[in-house]
């Protein structure tokens, strides 16, 4: 049974090896290439949102560190509201 979100079928990165999105180290040329792919992706927002629930990898052009900042900011906004 395929449980992948339907947005993945529209992703600009479909067909690329999954391991490409889990570079080591996270910062570097491979991240830059992935960001270029993600910039033009029609489902970048959906991917980035899904990535907020993931611990590792590049999701919607965002690194683990960037997603962590977004999660913290959102928590702060909920607490402050």
PDB file of N, CA and C in Angstrom:
ATOM      1  N   UNK A   1       0.845  -1.192   0.000  1.00  0.00           N
ATOM      2  CA  UNK A   1       0.000   0.000   0.000  1.00  0.00           C
ATOM      3  C   UNK A   1       0.881   1.243   0.000  1.00  0.00           C
ATOM      4  N   UNK A   2       0.643   2.154  -0.919  1.00  0.00           N
ATOM      5  CA  UNK A   2       1.428   3.380  -1.021  1.00  0.00           C
ATOM      6  C   UNK A   2       0.852   4.418  -0.069  1.00  0.00           C
ATOM      7  N   UNK A   3       1.656   4.829   0.911  1.00  0.00           N
ATOM      8  CA  UNK A   3       1.201   5.819   1.882  1.00  0.00           C
ATOM      9  C   UNK A   3       1.834   7.179   1.649  1.00  0.00           C
ATOM     10  N   UNK A   4       2.589   7.354   0.574  1.00  0.00           N
ATOM     11  CA  UNK A   4       3.234   8.628   0.279  1.00  0.00           C
ATOM     12  C   UNK A   4       2.178   9.686  -0.036  1.00  0.00           C
ATOM     13  N   UNK A   5       2.399  10.899   0.466  1.00  0.00           N
ATOM     14  CA  UNK A   5       1.461  11.976   0.153  1.00  0.00           C
ATOM     15  C   UNK A   5       1.347  12.182  -1.363  1.00  0.00           C
ATOM     16  N   UNK A   6       0.176  12.561  -1.824  1.00  0.00           N
ATOM     17  CA  UNK A   6      -0.043  12.732  -3.260  1.00  0.00           C
ATOM     18  C   UNK A   6       0.808  13.845  -3.858  1.00  0.00           C
ATOM     19  N   UNK A   7       1.193  14.832  -3.084  1.00  0.00           N
ATOM     20  CA  UNK A   7       1.999  15.930  -3.613  1.00  0.00           C
ATOM     21  C   UNK A   7       3.346  15.433  -4.131  1.00  0.00           C
ATOM     22  N   UNK A   8       3.845  14.346  -3.624  1.00  0.00           N
ATOM     23  CA  UNK A   8       5.153  13.838  -4.049  1.00  0.00           C
ATOM     24  C   UNK A   8       5.193  13.493  -5.531  1.00  0.00           C
ATOM     25  N   UNK A   9       4.052  13.125  -6.099  1.00  0.00           N
ATOM     26  CA  UNK A   9       4.011  12.795  -7.526  1.00  0.00           C
ATOM     27  C   UNK A   9       4.291  14.015  -8.389  1.00  0.00           C
ATOM     28  N   UNK A  10       4.079  15.210  -7.846  1.00  0.00           N
ATOM     29  CA  UNK A  10       4.300  16.458  -8.586  1.00  0.00           C
ATOM     30  C   UNK A  10       5.658  17.095  -8.278  1.00  0.00           C
ATOM     31  N   UNK A  11       6.422  16.507  -7.384  1.00  0.00           N
ATOM     32  CA  UNK A  11       7.686  17.091  -6.940  1.00  0.00           C
ATOM     33  C   UNK A  11       8.730  17.133  -8.052  1.00  0.00           C
ATOM     34  N   UNK A  12       9.484  18.221  -8.097  1.00  0.00           N
ATOM     35  CA  UNK A  12      10.556  18.377  -9.086  1.00  0.00           C
ATOM     36  C   UNK A  12      11.660  17.347  -8.870  1.00  0.00           C
ATOM     37  N   UNK A  13      11.764  16.822  -7.673  1.00  0.00           N
ATOM     38  CA  UNK A  13      12.827  15.875  -7.350  1.00  0.00           C
ATOM     39  C   UNK A  13      12.420  14.418  -7.536  1.00  0.00           C
ATOM     40  N   UNK A  14      11.186  14.170  -7.939  1.00  0.00           N
ATOM     41  CA  UNK A  14      10.768  12.769  -8.091  1.00  0.00           C
ATOM     42  C   UNK A  14      11.732  12.071  -9.043  1.00  0.00           C
ATOM     43  N   UNK A  15      12.074  10.877  -8.694  1.00  0.00           N
ATOM     44  CA  UNK A  15      13.011  10.108  -9.500  1.00  0.00           C
ATOM     45  C   UNK A  15      14.458  10.219  -9.038  1.00  0.00           C
ATOM     46  N   UNK A  16      14.756  11.234  -8.232  1.00  0.00           N
ATOM     47  CA  UNK A  16      16.115  11.346  -7.702  1.00  0.00           C
ATOM     48  C   UNK A  16      16.268  10.376  -6.533  1.00  0.00           C
ATOM     49  N   UNK A  17      17.482   9.898  -6.294  1.00  0.00           N
ATOM     50  CA  UNK A  17      17.677   8.977  -5.171  1.00  0.00           C
ATOM     51  C   UNK A  17      17.403   9.670  -3.831  1.00  0.00           C
ATOM     52  N   UNK A  18      16.698   8.991  -2.978  1.00  0.00           N
ATOM     53  CA  UNK A  18      16.357   9.544  -1.657  1.00  0.00           C
ATOM     54  C   UNK A  18      17.598   9.974  -0.898  1.00  0.00           C
ATOM     55  N   UNK A  19      18.658   9.220  -1.000  1.00  0.00           N
ATOM     56  CA  UNK A  19      19.878   9.532  -0.239  1.00  0.00           C
ATOM     57  C   UNK A  19      20.442  10.912  -0.593  1.00  0.00           C
ATOM     58  N   UNK A  20      20.119  11.430  -1.770  1.00  0.00           N
ATOM     59  CA  UNK A  20      20.598  12.756  -2.161  1.00  0.00           C
ATOM     60  C   UNK A  20      20.075  13.834  -1.222  1.00  0.00           C
ATOM     61  N   UNK A  21      18.944  13.585  -0.583  1.00  0.00           N
ATOM     62  CA  UNK A  21      18.324  14.576   0.287  1.00  0.00           C
ATOM     63  C   UNK A  21      18.751  14.450   1.737  1.00  0.00           C
ATOM     64  N   UNK A  22      19.733  13.597   1.966  1.00  0.00           N
ATOM     65  CA  UNK A  22      20.287  13.416   3.301  1.00  0.00           C
ATOM     66  C   UNK A  22      21.802  13.552   3.226  1.00  0.00           C
ATOM     67  N   UNK A  23      22.269  14.746   2.779  1.00  0.00           N
ATOM     68  CA  UNK A  23      23.706  14.960   2.592  1.00  0.00           C
ATOM     69  C   UNK A  23      24.443  15.013   3.924  1.00  0.00           C
ATOM     70  N   UNK A  24      25.717  14.702   3.855  1.00  0.00           N
ATOM     71  CA  UNK A  24      26.564  14.773   5.042  1.00  0.00           C
ATOM     72  C   UNK A  24      27.888  15.386   4.622  1.00  0.00           C
ATOM     73  N   UNK A  25      28.295  16.506   5.138  1.00  0.00           N
ATOM     74  CA  UNK A  25      27.553  17.318   6.084  1.00  0.00           C
ATOM     75  C   UNK A  25      26.389  18.030   5.405  1.00  0.00           C
ATOM     76  N   UNK A  26      25.494  18.585   6.225  1.00  0.00           N
ATOM     77  CA  UNK A  26      24.277  19.171   5.681  1.00  0.00           C
ATOM     78  C   UNK A  26      24.543  20.446   4.868  1.00  0.00           C
ATOM     79  N   UNK A  27      25.571  21.154   5.215  1.00  0.00           N
ATOM     80  CA  UNK A  27      25.891  22.374   4.469  1.00  0.00           C
ATOM     81  C   UNK A  27      26.928  22.053   3.408  1.00  0.00           C
ATOM     82  N   UNK A  28      26.759  22.579   2.224  1.00  0.00           N
ATOM     83  CA  UNK A  28      27.755  22.348   1.184  1.00  0.00           C
ATOM     84  C   UNK A  28      27.164  22.349  -0.197  1.00  0.00           C
ATOM     85  N   UNK A  29      27.984  21.989  -1.195  1.00  0.00           N
ATOM     86  CA  UNK A  29      27.553  22.037  -2.596  1.00  0.00           C
ATOM     87  C   UNK A  29      26.307  21.208  -2.887  1.00  0.00           C
ATOM     88  N   UNK A  30      26.158  20.043  -2.265  1.00  0.00           N
ATOM     89  CA  UNK A  30      24.986  19.221  -2.557  1.00  0.00           C
ATOM     90  C   UNK A  30      23.715  19.914  -2.079  1.00  0.00           C
ATOM     91  N   UNK A  31      23.790  20.633  -0.972  1.00  0.00           N
ATOM     92  CA  UNK A  31      22.631  21.377  -0.471  1.00  0.00           C
ATOM     93  C   UNK A  31      22.280  22.485  -1.456  1.00  0.00           C
ATOM     94  N   UNK A  32      23.297  23.154  -1.998  1.00  0.00           N
ATOM     95  CA  UNK A  32      23.046  24.220  -2.967  1.00  0.00           C
ATOM     96  C   UNK A  32      22.328  23.686  -4.203  1.00  0.00           C
ATOM     97  N   UNK A  33      22.740  22.538  -4.687  1.00  0.00           N
ATOM     98  CA  UNK A  33      22.088  21.926  -5.844  1.00  0.00           C
ATOM     99  C   UNK A  33      20.638  21.570  -5.525  1.00  0.00           C
ATOM    100  N   UNK A  34      20.403  21.012  -4.351  1.00  0.00           N
ATOM    101  CA  UNK A  34      19.035  20.661  -3.961  1.00  0.00           C
ATOM    102  C   UNK A  34      18.159  21.905  -3.853  1.00  0.00           C
ATOM    103  N   UNK A  35      18.712  22.992  -3.343  1.00  0.00           N
ATOM    104  CA  UNK A  35      17.943  24.244  -3.240  1.00  0.00           C
ATOM    105  C   UNK A  35      17.514  24.732  -4.626  1.00  0.00           C
ATOM    106  N   UNK A  36      18.377  24.579  -5.610  1.00  0.00           N
ATOM    107  CA  UNK A  36      18.041  24.984  -6.984  1.00  0.00           C
ATOM    108  C   UNK A  36      16.873  24.152  -7.495  1.00  0.00           C
ATOM    109  N   UNK A  37      16.918  22.857  -7.251  1.00  0.00           N
ATOM    110  CA  UNK A  37      15.811  21.987  -7.661  1.00  0.00           C
ATOM    111  C   UNK A  37      14.532  22.399  -6.944  1.00  0.00           C
ATOM    112  N   UNK A  38      14.630  22.648  -5.658  1.00  0.00           N
ATOM    113  CA  UNK A  38      13.455  22.988  -4.853  1.00  0.00           C
ATOM    114  C   UNK A  38      12.853  24.354  -5.204  1.00  0.00           C
ATOM    115  N   UNK A  39      13.683  25.299  -5.614  1.00  0.00           N
ATOM    116  CA  UNK A  39      13.187  26.639  -5.931  1.00  0.00           C
ATOM    117  C   UNK A  39      12.078  26.629  -6.972  1.00  0.00           C
ATOM    118  N   UNK A  40      12.202  25.768  -7.957  1.00  0.00           N
ATOM    119  CA  UNK A  40      11.227  25.729  -9.052  1.00  0.00           C
ATOM    120  C   UNK A  40      10.144  24.675  -8.844  1.00  0.00           C
ATOM    121  N   UNK A  41      10.158  24.018  -7.707  1.00  0.00           N
ATOM    122  CA  UNK A  41       9.231  22.918  -7.473  1.00  0.00           C
ATOM    123  C   UNK A  41       7.812  23.425  -7.205  1.00  0.00           C
ATOM    124  N   UNK A  42       6.819  22.855  -7.876  1.00  0.00           N
ATOM    125  CA  UNK A  42       5.436  23.300  -7.685  1.00  0.00           C
ATOM    126  C   UNK A  42       4.842  22.891  -6.332  1.00  0.00           C
ATOM    127  N   UNK A  43       5.498  21.968  -5.633  1.00  0.00           N
ATOM    128  CA  UNK A  43       4.973  21.531  -4.334  1.00  0.00           C
ATOM    129  C   UNK A  43       5.968  21.805  -3.207  1.00  0.00           C
ATOM    130  N   UNK A  44       6.771  22.820  -3.389  1.00  0.00           N
ATOM    131  CA  UNK A  44       7.788  23.154  -2.392  1.00  0.00           C
ATOM    132  C   UNK A  44       7.177  23.419  -1.011  1.00  0.00           C
ATOM    133  N   UNK A  45       6.102  24.156  -0.963  1.00  0.00           N
ATOM    134  CA  UNK A  45       5.488  24.481   0.328  1.00  0.00           C
ATOM    135  C   UNK A  45       4.991  23.233   1.041  1.00  0.00           C
ATOM    136  N   UNK A  46       4.344  22.337   0.305  1.00  0.00           N
ATOM    137  CA  UNK A  46       3.847  21.094   0.901  1.00  0.00           C
ATOM    138  C   UNK A  46       5.000  20.255   1.429  1.00  0.00           C
ATOM    139  N   UNK A  47       6.071  20.204   0.656  1.00  0.00           N
ATOM    140  CA  UNK A  47       7.251  19.443   1.048  1.00  0.00           C
ATOM    141  C   UNK A  47       7.885  20.044   2.300  1.00  0.00           C
ATOM    142  N   UNK A  48       8.050  21.359   2.317  1.00  0.00           N
ATOM    143  CA  UNK A  48       8.644  22.025   3.478  1.00  0.00           C
ATOM    144  C   UNK A  48       7.791  21.802   4.721  1.00  0.00           C
ATOM    145  N   UNK A  49       6.481  21.880   4.563  1.00  0.00           N
ATOM    146  CA  UNK A  49       5.576  21.652   5.697  1.00  0.00           C
ATOM    147  C   UNK A  49       5.711  20.222   6.206  1.00  0.00           C
ATOM    148  N   UNK A  50       5.774  19.259   5.301  1.00  0.00           N
ATOM    149  CA  UNK A  50       5.973  17.861   5.704  1.00  0.00           C
ATOM    150  C   UNK A  50       7.322  17.694   6.383  1.00  0.00           C
ATOM    151  N   UNK A  51       8.307  18.429   5.906  1.00  0.00           N
ATOM    152  CA  UNK A  51       9.644  18.352   6.476  1.00  0.00           C
ATOM    153  C   UNK A  51       9.730  18.845   7.902  1.00  0.00           C
ATOM    154  N   UNK A  52       8.804  19.698   8.297  1.00  0.00           N
ATOM    155  CA  UNK A  52       8.819  20.191   9.671  1.00  0.00           C
ATOM    156  C   UNK A  52       8.581  19.059  10.669  1.00  0.00           C
ATOM    157  N   UNK A  53       8.061  17.956  10.196  1.00  0.00           N
ATOM    158  CA  UNK A  53       7.832  16.795  11.064  1.00  0.00           C
ATOM    159  C   UNK A  53       8.960  15.767  10.945  1.00  0.00           C
ATOM    160  N   UNK A  54      10.013  16.125  10.204  1.00  0.00           N
ATOM    161  CA  UNK A  54      11.131  15.215   9.981  1.00  0.00           C
ATOM    162  C   UNK A  54      12.373  15.728  10.707  1.00  0.00           C
ATOM    163  N   UNK A  55      13.175  14.815  11.201  1.00  0.00           N
ATOM    164  CA  UNK A  55      14.370  15.202  11.950  1.00  0.00           C
ATOM    165  C   UNK A  55      15.563  15.520  11.050  1.00  0.00           C
ATOM    166  N   UNK A  56      15.656  14.870   9.908  1.00  0.00           N
ATOM    167  CA  UNK A  56      16.852  15.012   9.074  1.00  0.00           C
ATOM    168  C   UNK A  56      16.485  15.228   7.619  1.00  0.00           C
ATOM    169  N   UNK A  57      17.473  15.681   6.846  1.00  0.00           N
ATOM    170  CA  UNK A  57      17.314  15.798   5.411  1.00  0.00           C
ATOM    171  C   UNK A  57      16.951  17.190   4.941  1.00  0.00           C
ATOM    172  N   UNK A  58      16.866  17.315   3.637  1.00  0.00           N
ATOM    173  CA  UNK A  58      16.464  18.562   2.983  1.00  0.00           C
ATOM    174  C   UNK A  58      15.022  18.376   2.539  1.00  0.00           C
ATOM    175  N   UNK A  59      14.159  19.257   2.977  1.00  0.00           N
ATOM    176  CA  UNK A  59      12.733  19.197   2.654  1.00  0.00           C
ATOM    177  C   UNK A  59      12.293  20.576   2.191  1.00  0.00           C
ATOM    178  N   UNK A  60      11.785  20.681   0.990  1.00  0.00           N
ATOM    179  CA  UNK A  60      11.340  21.980   0.475  1.00  0.00           C
ATOM    180  C   UNK A  60      12.467  22.995   0.405  1.00  0.00           C
ATOM    181  N   UNK A  61      13.684  22.509   0.255  1.00  0.00           N
ATOM    182  CA  UNK A  61      14.842  23.395   0.187  1.00  0.00           C
ATOM    183  C   UNK A  61      15.351  23.846   1.543  1.00  0.00           C
ATOM    184  N   UNK A  62      14.774  23.329   2.618  1.00  0.00           N
ATOM    185  CA  UNK A  62      15.172  23.726   3.969  1.00  0.00           C
ATOM    186  C   UNK A  62      16.034  22.651   4.621  1.00  0.00           C
ATOM    187  N   UNK A  63      17.091  23.086   5.283  1.00  0.00           N
ATOM    188  CA  UNK A  63      17.952  22.164   6.009  1.00  0.00           C
ATOM    189  C   UNK A  63      17.325  21.832   7.356  1.00  0.00           C
ATOM    190  N   UNK A  64      17.913  20.864   8.025  1.00  0.00           N
ATOM    191  CA  UNK A  64      17.456  20.483   9.362  1.00  0.00           C
ATOM    192  C   UNK A  64      17.478  21.698  10.287  1.00  0.00           C
ATOM    193  N   UNK A  65      18.541  22.450  10.243  1.00  0.00           N
ATOM    194  CA  UNK A  65      18.689  23.635  11.107  1.00  0.00           C
ATOM    195  C   UNK A  65      17.608  24.673  10.796  1.00  0.00           C
ATOM    196  N   UNK A  66      17.356  24.923   9.534  1.00  0.00           N
ATOM    197  CA  UNK A  66      16.336  25.908   9.157  1.00  0.00           C
ATOM    198  C   UNK A  66      14.941  25.474   9.613  1.00  0.00           C
ATOM    199  N   UNK A  67      14.662  24.190   9.460  1.00  0.00           N
ATOM    200  CA  UNK A  67      13.347  23.690   9.900  1.00  0.00           C
ATOM    201  C   UNK A  67      13.217  23.770  11.412  1.00  0.00           C
ATOM    202  N   UNK A  68      14.296  23.519  12.116  1.00  0.00           N
ATOM    203  CA  UNK A  68      14.291  23.624  13.576  1.00  0.00           C
ATOM    204  C   UNK A  68      13.948  25.055  14.005  1.00  0.00           C
ATOM    205  N   UNK A  69      14.531  26.032  13.319  1.00  0.00           N
ATOM    206  CA  UNK A  69      14.230  27.443  13.627  1.00  0.00           C
ATOM    207  C   UNK A  69      12.761  27.759  13.391  1.00  0.00           C
ATOM    208  N   UNK A  70      12.211  27.254  12.306  1.00  0.00           N
ATOM    209  CA  UNK A  70      10.802  27.490  11.992  1.00  0.00           C
ATOM    210  C   UNK A  70       9.919  26.878  13.073  1.00  0.00           C
ATOM    211  N   UNK A  71      10.223  25.656  13.495  1.00  0.00           N
ATOM    212  CA  UNK A  71       9.436  25.009  14.557  1.00  0.00           C
ATOM    213  C   UNK A  71       9.492  25.816  15.842  1.00  0.00           C
ATOM    214  N   UNK A  72      10.685  26.290  16.207  1.00  0.00           N
ATOM    215  CA  UNK A  72      10.821  27.112  17.418  1.00  0.00           C
ATOM    216  C   UNK A  72      10.014  28.395  17.311  1.00  0.00           C
ATOM    217  N   UNK A  73      10.109  29.040  16.144  1.00  0.00           N
ATOM    218  CA  UNK A  73       9.381  30.291  15.931  1.00  0.00           C
ATOM    219  C   UNK A  73       7.875  30.056  16.052  1.00  0.00           C
ATOM    220  N   UNK A  74       7.390  28.976  15.472  1.00  0.00           N
ATOM    221  CA  UNK A  74       5.960  28.663  15.544  1.00  0.00           C
ATOM    222  C   UNK A  74       5.525  28.386  16.984  1.00  0.00           C
ATOM    223  N   UNK A  75       6.362  27.657  17.725  1.00  0.00           N
ATOM    224  CA  UNK A  75       6.036  27.398  19.140  1.00  0.00           C
ATOM    225  C   UNK A  75       5.967  28.708  19.911  1.00  0.00           C
ATOM    226  N   UNK A  76       6.926  29.587  19.658  1.00  0.00           N
ATOM    227  CA  UNK A  76       6.961  30.877  20.341  1.00  0.00           C
ATOM    228  C   UNK A  76       5.705  31.686  20.007  1.00  0.00           C
ATOM    229  N   UNK A  77       5.323  31.674  18.740  1.00  0.00           N
ATOM    230  CA  UNK A  77       4.129  32.428  18.314  1.00  0.00           C
ATOM    231  C   UNK A  77       2.869  31.882  18.979  1.00  0.00           C
ATOM    232  N   UNK A  78       2.770  30.558  19.134  1.00  0.00           N
ATOM    233  CA  UNK A  78       1.592  29.965  19.800  1.00  0.00           C
ATOM    234  C   UNK A  78       1.558  30.362  21.268  1.00  0.00           C
ATOM    235  N   UNK A  79       2.719  30.349  21.920  1.00  0.00           N
ATOM    236  CA  UNK A  79       2.783  30.686  23.328  1.00  0.00           C
ATOM    237  C   UNK A  79       2.506  32.173  23.533  1.00  0.00           C
ATOM    238  N   UNK A  80       2.993  32.993  22.624  1.00  0.00           N
ATOM    239  CA  UNK A  80       2.826  34.456  22.735  1.00  0.00           C
ATOM    240  C   UNK A  80       1.435  34.928  22.392  1.00  0.00           C
ATOM    241  N   UNK A  81       0.701  34.132  21.651  1.00  0.00           N
ATOM    242  CA  UNK A  81      -0.628  34.565  21.188  1.00  0.00           C
ATOM    243  C   UNK A  81      -1.655  34.544  22.293  1.00  0.00           C
TER     244      UNK A  81
END
